[in-house]
Amino acid sequence: MNTIKNLLSESMQQMGMIESLSVASVLLSFAVAAICAALIYVVYRYFYKGVSYSPNFGMLLIILTLLTNFIIICISTNLVLSLGMVGALSIVRFRAAVKEPLDVGFLFFAIAAGLTSGARLYLIAILGTVLVSLIFIICYLALNGTASYLLVIRYTDEAVEALEDALYGQKKKLKSKIRRGATSEITYAVSLKKGSDFLVDELSGITGVKNVVLVQYNQEA
């Protein structure tokens, strides 16, 4: 009987179905995953550009990193368990709507950090998290100087030439134009540097301009 058990144990080890894990390696894996998760959370929290920040989503990034790390540890130590887990996860359906496209990227960011730390690729996990975070921050700072606005102008015919001169060279896209008798209303999508409110004062001072409205908007909305 013992001989049969030994043969089964040896065959399973040869197939890679059993791999011993020490408590220290498990704790180290979770520690690395926690460090990566904390960095991802900080980057998301302080460089978020969406309309409304959700603390629950920030916590989800931390939990997702640790949970992915936990799953990968289980998969890497037992081949049979990994097959069963893949089958179990395949029946899970996630139906929560992700409002911001950038949030999807952060979800994959958290999963990638959990995968690499769970696979005990600690250097790749930490360096990858740091590099991706730095690239994201650089892109954020580079694009944060400008914003998209809707410029709505109501004017009479006497202001047409002055408006054309004032908006000459301005990057703009016509959205709509409405004519009501002698008064017209035109809407442009413009890209301006933040703090460019002086444009409203300049356009409002033109003779024939009834009112000027400048509204910041999200281009993905």
C-alpha atoms as a PDB file:
ATOM      1  CA  MET A   1       0.000   0.000   0.000  1.00  0.00           C
ATOM      2  CA  ASN A   2       2.803   2.395   0.883  1.00  0.00           C
ATOM      3  CA  THR A   3       4.526   1.512  -2.370  1.00  0.00           C
ATOM      4  CA  ILE A   4       1.443   2.552  -4.370  1.00  0.00           C
ATOM      5  CA  LYS A   5       1.220   5.834  -2.470  1.00  0.00           C
ATOM      6  CA  ASN A   6       4.894   6.553  -3.119  1.00  0.00           C
ATOM      7  CA  LEU A   7       4.493   5.816  -6.816  1.00  0.00           C
ATOM      8  CA  LEU A   8       1.467   8.106  -7.068  1.00  0.00           C
ATOM      9  CA  SER A   9       3.303  10.860  -5.216  1.00  0.00           C
ATOM     10  CA  GLU A  10       6.347  10.570  -7.466  1.00  0.00           C
ATOM     11  CA  SER A  11       4.246  10.570 -10.638  1.00  0.00           C
ATOM     12  CA  MET A  12       2.320  13.659  -9.523  1.00  0.00           C
ATOM     13  CA  GLN A  13       5.539  15.474  -8.713  1.00  0.00           C
ATOM     14  CA  GLN A  14       6.980  14.579 -12.106  1.00  0.00           C
ATOM     15  CA  MET A  15       3.844  15.971 -13.785  1.00  0.00           C
ATOM     16  CA  GLY A  16       4.272  19.215 -11.895  1.00  0.00           C
ATOM     17  CA  MET A  17       1.017  18.784  -9.985  1.00  0.00           C
ATOM     18  CA  ILE A  18       2.511  19.484  -6.592  1.00  0.00           C
ATOM     19  CA  GLU A  19       4.898  22.249  -5.712  1.00  0.00           C
ATOM     20  CA  SER A  20       5.838  23.076  -2.153  1.00  0.00           C
ATOM     21  CA  LEU A  21       5.528  26.656  -0.962  1.00  0.00           C
ATOM     22  CA  SER A  22       7.055  28.084   2.174  1.00  0.00           C
ATOM     23  CA  VAL A  23       5.221  30.544   4.385  1.00  0.00           C
ATOM     24  CA  ALA A  24       7.991  33.074   3.797  1.00  0.00           C
ATOM     25  CA  SER A  25       7.554  32.967   0.007  1.00  0.00           C
ATOM     26  CA  VAL A  26       3.785  33.386   0.308  1.00  0.00           C
ATOM     27  CA  LEU A  27       4.159  36.359   2.651  1.00  0.00           C
ATOM     28  CA  LEU A  28       6.783  37.900   0.375  1.00  0.00           C
ATOM     29  CA  SER A  29       4.479  37.501  -2.608  1.00  0.00           C
ATOM     30  CA  PHE A  30       1.609  39.218  -0.784  1.00  0.00           C
ATOM     31  CA  ALA A  31       3.960  41.964   0.441  1.00  0.00           C
ATOM     32  CA  VAL A  32       5.104  42.742  -3.104  1.00  0.00           C
ATOM     33  CA  ALA A  33       1.487  42.673  -4.326  1.00  0.00           C
ATOM     34  CA  ALA A  34       0.479  45.030  -1.513  1.00  0.00           C
ATOM     35  CA  ILE A  35       3.269  47.479  -2.409  1.00  0.00           C
ATOM     36  CA  CYS A  36       2.244  47.462  -6.077  1.00  0.00           C
ATOM     37  CA  ALA A  37      -1.426  47.844  -5.137  1.00  0.00           C
ATOM     38  CA  ALA A  38      -0.664  50.805  -2.889  1.00  0.00           C
ATOM     39  CA  LEU A  39       1.283  52.545  -5.654  1.00  0.00           C
ATOM     40  CA  ILE A  40      -1.500  51.927  -8.179  1.00  0.00           C
ATOM     41  CA  TYR A  41      -4.063  53.303  -5.725  1.00  0.00           C
ATOM     42  CA  VAL A  42      -2.022  56.457  -5.042  1.00  0.00           C
ATOM     43  CA  VAL A  43      -1.536  57.139  -8.755  1.00  0.00           C
ATOM     44  CA  TYR A  44      -5.230  56.614  -9.439  1.00  0.00           C
ATOM     45  CA  ARG A  45      -6.324  58.695  -6.451  1.00  0.00           C
ATOM     46  CA  TYR A  46      -4.191  61.776  -7.063  1.00  0.00           C
ATOM     47  CA  PHE A  47      -4.146  61.813 -10.863  1.00  0.00           C
ATOM     48  CA  TYR A  48      -7.784  60.955 -11.554  1.00  0.00           C
ATOM     49  CA  LYS A  49      -9.379  63.173 -14.224  1.00  0.00           C
ATOM     50  CA  GLY A  50     -12.926  61.805 -14.273  1.00  0.00           C
ATOM     51  CA  VAL A  51     -16.071  63.685 -13.345  1.00  0.00           C
ATOM     52  CA  SER A  52     -16.592  62.004  -9.967  1.00  0.00           C
ATOM     53  CA  TYR A  53     -13.982  60.025  -8.055  1.00  0.00           C
ATOM     54  CA  SER A  54     -15.207  56.732  -6.561  1.00  0.00           C
ATOM     55  CA  PRO A  55     -13.401  55.569  -3.383  1.00  0.00           C
ATOM     56  CA  ASN A  56     -14.895  52.109  -3.895  1.00  0.00           C
ATOM     57  CA  PHE A  57     -13.113  51.763  -7.233  1.00  0.00           C
ATOM     58  CA  GLY A  58      -9.833  52.736  -5.592  1.00  0.00           C
ATOM     59  CA  MET A  59     -10.338  50.000  -3.006  1.00  0.00           C
ATOM     60  CA  LEU A  60     -11.241  47.595  -5.812  1.00  0.00           C
ATOM     61  CA  LEU A  61      -7.811  48.132  -7.370  1.00  0.00           C
ATOM     62  CA  ILE A  62      -6.123  47.067  -4.124  1.00  0.00           C
ATOM     63  CA  ILE A  63      -8.374  44.047  -3.605  1.00  0.00           C
ATOM     64  CA  LEU A  64      -8.049  42.984  -7.247  1.00  0.00           C
ATOM     65  CA  THR A  65      -4.248  43.049  -7.076  1.00  0.00           C
ATOM     66  CA  LEU A  66      -4.161  40.929  -3.923  1.00  0.00           C
ATOM     67  CA  LEU A  67      -6.874  38.573  -5.158  1.00  0.00           C
ATOM     68  CA  THR A  68      -5.076  37.994  -8.469  1.00  0.00           C
ATOM     69  CA  ASN A  69      -1.877  37.333  -6.545  1.00  0.00           C
ATOM     70  CA  PHE A  70      -3.725  34.794  -4.383  1.00  0.00           C
ATOM     71  CA  ILE A  71      -5.182  33.009  -7.428  1.00  0.00           C
ATOM     72  CA  ILE A  72      -1.841  32.816  -9.241  1.00  0.00           C
ATOM     73  CA  ILE A  73      -0.167  31.341  -6.148  1.00  0.00           C
ATOM     74  CA  CYS A  74      -2.812  28.604  -6.070  1.00  0.00           C
ATOM     75  CA  ILE A  75      -2.538  27.934  -9.795  1.00  0.00           C
ATOM     76  CA  SER A  76       1.265  27.763  -9.741  1.00  0.00           C
ATOM     77  CA  THR A  77       1.339  25.193  -6.931  1.00  0.00           C
ATOM     78  CA  ASN A  78      -1.233  22.694  -8.154  1.00  0.00           C
ATOM     79  CA  LEU A  79      -1.993  21.803 -11.751  1.00  0.00           C
ATOM     80  CA  VAL A  80      -5.298  20.087 -10.955  1.00  0.00           C
ATOM     81  CA  LEU A  81      -6.461  23.071  -8.904  1.00  0.00           C
ATOM     82  CA  SER A  82      -5.476  25.436 -11.708  1.00  0.00           C
ATOM     83  CA  LEU A  83      -7.649  23.550 -14.202  1.00  0.00           C
ATOM     84  CA  GLY A  84     -10.587  23.569 -11.810  1.00  0.00           C
ATOM     85  CA  MET A  85     -10.131  27.255 -11.052  1.00  0.00           C
ATOM     86  CA  VAL A  86     -10.052  28.172 -14.744  1.00  0.00           C
ATOM     87  CA  GLY A  87     -13.315  26.291 -15.207  1.00  0.00           C
ATOM     88  CA  ALA A  88     -14.876  27.981 -12.185  1.00  0.00           C
ATOM     89  CA  LEU A  89     -13.817  31.479 -13.249  1.00  0.00           C
ATOM     90  CA  SER A  90     -15.105  30.932 -16.781  1.00  0.00           C
ATOM     91  CA  ILE A  91     -18.696  30.882 -15.519  1.00  0.00           C
ATOM     92  CA  VAL A  92     -18.360  34.213 -13.689  1.00  0.00           C
ATOM     93  CA  ARG A  93     -19.987  37.168 -15.445  1.00  0.00           C
ATOM     94  CA  PHE A  94     -19.044  40.723 -14.543  1.00  0.00           C
ATOM     95  CA  ARG A  95     -21.812  43.116 -15.532  1.00  0.00           C
ATOM     96  CA  ALA A  96     -20.765  46.288 -13.711  1.00  0.00           C
ATOM     97  CA  ALA A  97     -20.485  49.199 -16.156  1.00  0.00           C
ATOM     98  CA  VAL A  98     -17.155  51.026 -16.257  1.00  0.00           C
ATOM     99  CA  LYS A  99     -17.906  54.710 -16.855  1.00  0.00           C
ATOM    100  CA  GLU A 100     -14.393  55.948 -17.619  1.00  0.00           C
ATOM    101  CA  PRO A 101     -12.290  54.216 -20.315  1.00  0.00           C
ATOM    102  CA  LEU A 102      -9.182  54.942 -18.250  1.00  0.00           C
ATOM    103  CA  ASP A 103     -10.608  52.857 -15.411  1.00  0.00           C
ATOM    104  CA  VAL A 104     -10.354  49.762 -17.626  1.00  0.00           C
ATOM    105  CA  GLY A 105      -6.639  50.411 -17.987  1.00  0.00           C
ATOM    106  CA  PHE A 106      -6.226  50.621 -14.216  1.00  0.00           C
ATOM    107  CA  LEU A 107      -8.090  47.324 -13.817  1.00  0.00           C
ATOM    108  CA  PHE A 108      -5.628  45.628 -16.178  1.00  0.00           C
ATOM    109  CA  PHE A 109      -2.808  47.429 -14.350  1.00  0.00           C
ATOM    110  CA  ALA A 110      -3.900  45.875 -11.042  1.00  0.00           C
ATOM    111  CA  ILE A 111      -4.330  42.434 -12.616  1.00  0.00           C
ATOM    112  CA  ALA A 112      -0.851  42.594 -14.196  1.00  0.00           C
ATOM    113  CA  ALA A 113       0.725  43.525 -10.855  1.00  0.00           C
ATOM    114  CA  GLY A 114      -1.091  40.642  -9.155  1.00  0.00           C
ATOM    115  CA  LEU A 115      -0.067  38.182 -11.891  1.00  0.00           C
ATOM    116  CA  THR A 116       3.634  38.995 -11.750  1.00  0.00           C
ATOM    117  CA  SER A 117       3.821  39.067  -7.953  1.00  0.00           C
ATOM    118  CA  GLY A 118       1.846  35.808  -7.691  1.00  0.00           C
ATOM    119  CA  ALA A 119       4.233  34.200 -10.179  1.00  0.00           C
ATOM    120  CA  ARG A 120       7.065  35.343  -7.881  1.00  0.00           C
ATOM    121  CA  LEU A 121       8.529  37.657 -10.494  1.00  0.00           C
ATOM    122  CA  TYR A 122       9.046  40.288  -7.838  1.00  0.00           C
ATOM    123  CA  LEU A 123      11.503  42.497  -9.707  1.00  0.00           C
ATOM    124  CA  ILE A 124       9.276  42.629 -12.784  1.00  0.00           C
ATOM    125  CA  ALA A 125       6.227  43.376 -10.625  1.00  0.00           C
ATOM    126  CA  ILE A 126       7.836  46.316  -8.837  1.00  0.00           C
ATOM    127  CA  LEU A 127       9.725  47.744 -11.820  1.00  0.00           C
ATOM    128  CA  GLY A 128       6.707  47.323 -14.095  1.00  0.00           C
ATOM    129  CA  THR A 129       4.410  49.088 -11.635  1.00  0.00           C
ATOM    130  CA  VAL A 130       6.857  51.952 -11.147  1.00  0.00           C
ATOM    131  CA  LEU A 131       7.543  52.420 -14.870  1.00  0.00           C
ATOM    132  CA  VAL A 132       3.877  52.330 -15.891  1.00  0.00           C
ATOM    133  CA  SER A 133       3.034  54.775 -13.094  1.00  0.00           C
ATOM    134  CA  LEU A 134       5.783  57.178 -14.180  1.00  0.00           C
ATOM    135  CA  ILE A 135       4.679  57.041 -17.823  1.00  0.00           C
ATOM    136  CA  PHE A 136       1.075  57.694 -16.806  1.00  0.00           C
ATOM    137  CA  ILE A 137       2.076  60.648 -14.603  1.00  0.00           C
ATOM    138  CA  ILE A 138       4.202  62.171 -17.388  1.00  0.00           C
ATOM    139  CA  CYS A 139       1.324  61.843 -19.863  1.00  0.00           C
ATOM    140  CA  TYR A 140      -1.067  63.328 -17.314  1.00  0.00           C
ATOM    141  CA  LEU A 141       1.146  66.355 -16.696  1.00  0.00           C
ATOM    142  CA  ALA A 142       1.699  66.866 -20.429  1.00  0.00           C
ATOM    143  CA  LEU A 143      -2.026  66.839 -21.215  1.00  0.00           C
ATOM    144  CA  ASN A 144      -3.275  68.558 -18.081  1.00  0.00           C
ATOM    145  CA  GLY A 145      -2.434  72.060 -19.346  1.00  0.00           C
ATOM    146  CA  THR A 146      -5.327  72.152 -21.813  1.00  0.00           C
ATOM    147  CA  ALA A 147      -9.024  71.357 -21.588  1.00  0.00           C
ATOM    148  CA  SER A 148     -11.952  71.022 -23.977  1.00  0.00           C
ATOM    149  CA  TYR A 149     -14.735  73.608 -23.897  1.00  0.00           C
ATOM    150  CA  LEU A 150     -17.987  74.423 -25.610  1.00  0.00           C
ATOM    151  CA  LEU A 151     -18.035  78.070 -26.666  1.00  0.00           C
ATOM    152  CA  VAL A 152     -21.570  79.415 -27.213  1.00  0.00           C
ATOM    153  CA  ILE A 153     -21.938  82.914 -28.697  1.00  0.00           C
ATOM    154  CA  ARG A 154     -25.145  84.857 -29.351  1.00  0.00           C
ATOM    155  CA  TYR A 155     -24.604  87.816 -31.640  1.00  0.00           C
ATOM    156  CA  THR A 156     -26.109  90.083 -34.287  1.00  0.00           C
ATOM    157  CA  ASP A 157     -24.891  90.609 -37.847  1.00  0.00           C
ATOM    158  CA  GLU A 158     -22.769  93.634 -36.938  1.00  0.00           C
ATOM    159  CA  ALA A 159     -20.470  91.407 -34.841  1.00  0.00           C
ATOM    160  CA  VAL A 160     -19.626  88.868 -37.565  1.00  0.00           C
ATOM    161  CA  GLU A 161     -16.359  90.411 -38.796  1.00  0.00           C
ATOM    162  CA  ALA A 162     -15.105  91.227 -35.297  1.00  0.00           C
ATOM    163  CA  LEU A 163     -15.838  87.683 -34.141  1.00  0.00           C
ATOM    164  CA  GLU A 164     -13.966  86.201 -37.084  1.00  0.00           C
ATOM    165  CA  ASP A 165     -10.939  88.347 -36.241  1.00  0.00           C
ATOM    166  CA  ALA A 166     -11.085  87.447 -32.538  1.00  0.00           C
ATOM    167  CA  LEU A 167     -11.339  83.705 -33.234  1.00  0.00           C
ATOM    168  CA  TYR A 168      -8.796  83.682 -36.061  1.00  0.00           C
ATOM    169  CA  GLY A 169      -6.108  81.056 -35.458  1.00  0.00           C
ATOM    170  CA  GLN A 170      -8.076  79.509 -32.600  1.00  0.00           C
ATOM    171  CA  LYS A 171      -8.384  75.716 -32.826  1.00  0.00           C
ATOM    172  CA  LYS A 172     -12.131  75.195 -33.007  1.00  0.00           C
ATOM    173  CA  LYS A 173     -14.777  72.912 -34.473  1.00  0.00           C
ATOM    174  CA  LEU A 174     -18.258  74.049 -35.395  1.00  0.00           C
ATOM    175  CA  LYS A 175     -20.942  72.144 -33.471  1.00  0.00           C
ATOM    176  CA  SER A 176     -24.096  74.046 -34.320  1.00  0.00           C
ATOM    177  CA  LYS A 177     -25.402  77.348 -35.673  1.00  0.00           C
ATOM    178  CA  ILE A 178     -28.902  78.685 -35.083  1.00  0.00           C
ATOM    179  CA  ARG A 179     -30.443  81.717 -36.741  1.00  0.00           C
ATOM    180  CA  ARG A 180     -33.353  83.564 -35.112  1.00  0.00           C
ATOM    181  CA  GLY A 181     -34.236  86.709 -37.058  1.00  0.00           C
ATOM    182  CA  ALA A 182     -31.373  89.174 -36.719  1.00  0.00           C
ATOM    183  CA  THR A 183     -29.735  87.133 -33.926  1.00  0.00           C
ATOM    184  CA  SER A 184     -27.530  84.086 -34.420  1.00  0.00           C
ATOM    185  CA  GLU A 185     -26.244  81.521 -31.925  1.00  0.00           C
ATOM    186  CA  ILE A 186     -23.117  79.549 -32.759  1.00  0.00           C
ATOM    187  CA  THR A 187     -21.443  76.757 -30.789  1.00  0.00           C
ATOM    188  CA  TYR A 188     -17.786  75.776 -31.147  1.00  0.00           C
ATOM    189  CA  ALA A 189     -15.784  72.984 -29.554  1.00  0.00           C
ATOM    190  CA  VAL A 190     -12.484  74.609 -28.608  1.00  0.00           C
ATOM    191  CA  SER A 191      -9.316  73.495 -26.869  1.00  0.00           C
ATOM    192  CA  LEU A 192      -7.930  76.122 -24.505  1.00  0.00           C
ATOM    193  CA  LYS A 193      -5.276  76.332 -21.865  1.00  0.00           C
ATOM    194  CA  LYS A 194      -6.675  76.298 -18.367  1.00  0.00           C
ATOM    195  CA  GLY A 195      -7.171  79.797 -17.079  1.00  0.00           C
ATOM    196  CA  SER A 196      -8.033  81.199 -20.526  1.00  0.00           C
ATOM    197  CA  ASP A 197     -11.184  82.890 -19.256  1.00  0.00           C
ATOM    198  CA  PHE A 198      -9.991  86.151 -20.787  1.00  0.00           C
ATOM    199  CA  LEU A 199     -11.420  84.932 -24.106  1.00  0.00           C
ATOM    200  CA  VAL A 200     -14.940  85.338 -22.707  1.00  0.00           C
ATOM    201  CA  ASP A 201     -14.236  88.952 -21.709  1.00  0.00           C
ATOM    202  CA  GLU A 202     -12.684  89.685 -25.089  1.00  0.00           C
ATOM    203  CA  LEU A 203     -15.633  88.290 -27.034  1.00  0.00           C
ATOM    204  CA  SER A 204     -18.178  89.903 -24.709  1.00  0.00           C
ATOM    205  CA  GLY A 205     -16.671  93.327 -25.420  1.00  0.00           C
ATOM    206  CA  ILE A 206     -17.389  93.099 -29.131  1.00  0.00           C
ATOM    207  CA  THR A 207     -20.239  95.309 -30.319  1.00  0.00           C
ATOM    208  CA  GLY A 208     -23.219  93.181 -31.305  1.00  0.00           C
ATOM    209  CA  VAL A 209     -22.391  90.215 -29.075  1.00  0.00           C
ATOM    210  CA  LYS A 210     -25.350  89.479 -26.789  1.00  0.00           C
ATOM    211  CA  ASN A 211     -23.719  86.902 -24.494  1.00  0.00           C
ATOM    212  CA  VAL A 212     -20.867  84.394 -24.381  1.00  0.00           C
ATOM    213  CA  VAL A 213     -20.917  81.047 -22.543  1.00  0.00           C
ATOM    214  CA  LEU A 214     -17.831  78.859 -22.026  1.00  0.00           C
ATOM    215  CA  VAL A 215     -18.510  75.357 -20.668  1.00  0.00           C
ATOM    216  CA  GLN A 216     -15.869  72.709 -19.988  1.00  0.00           C
ATOM    217  CA  TYR A 217     -16.879  69.226 -21.087  1.00  0.00           C
ATOM    218  CA  ASN A 218     -15.587  65.684 -21.350  1.00  0.00           C
ATOM    219  CA  GLN A 219     -14.973  64.628 -24.962  1.00  0.00           C
ATOM    220  CA  GLU A 220     -15.936  61.026 -24.162  1.00  0.00           C
ATOM    221  CA  ALA A 221     -19.344  62.035 -22.866  1.00  0.00           C
END
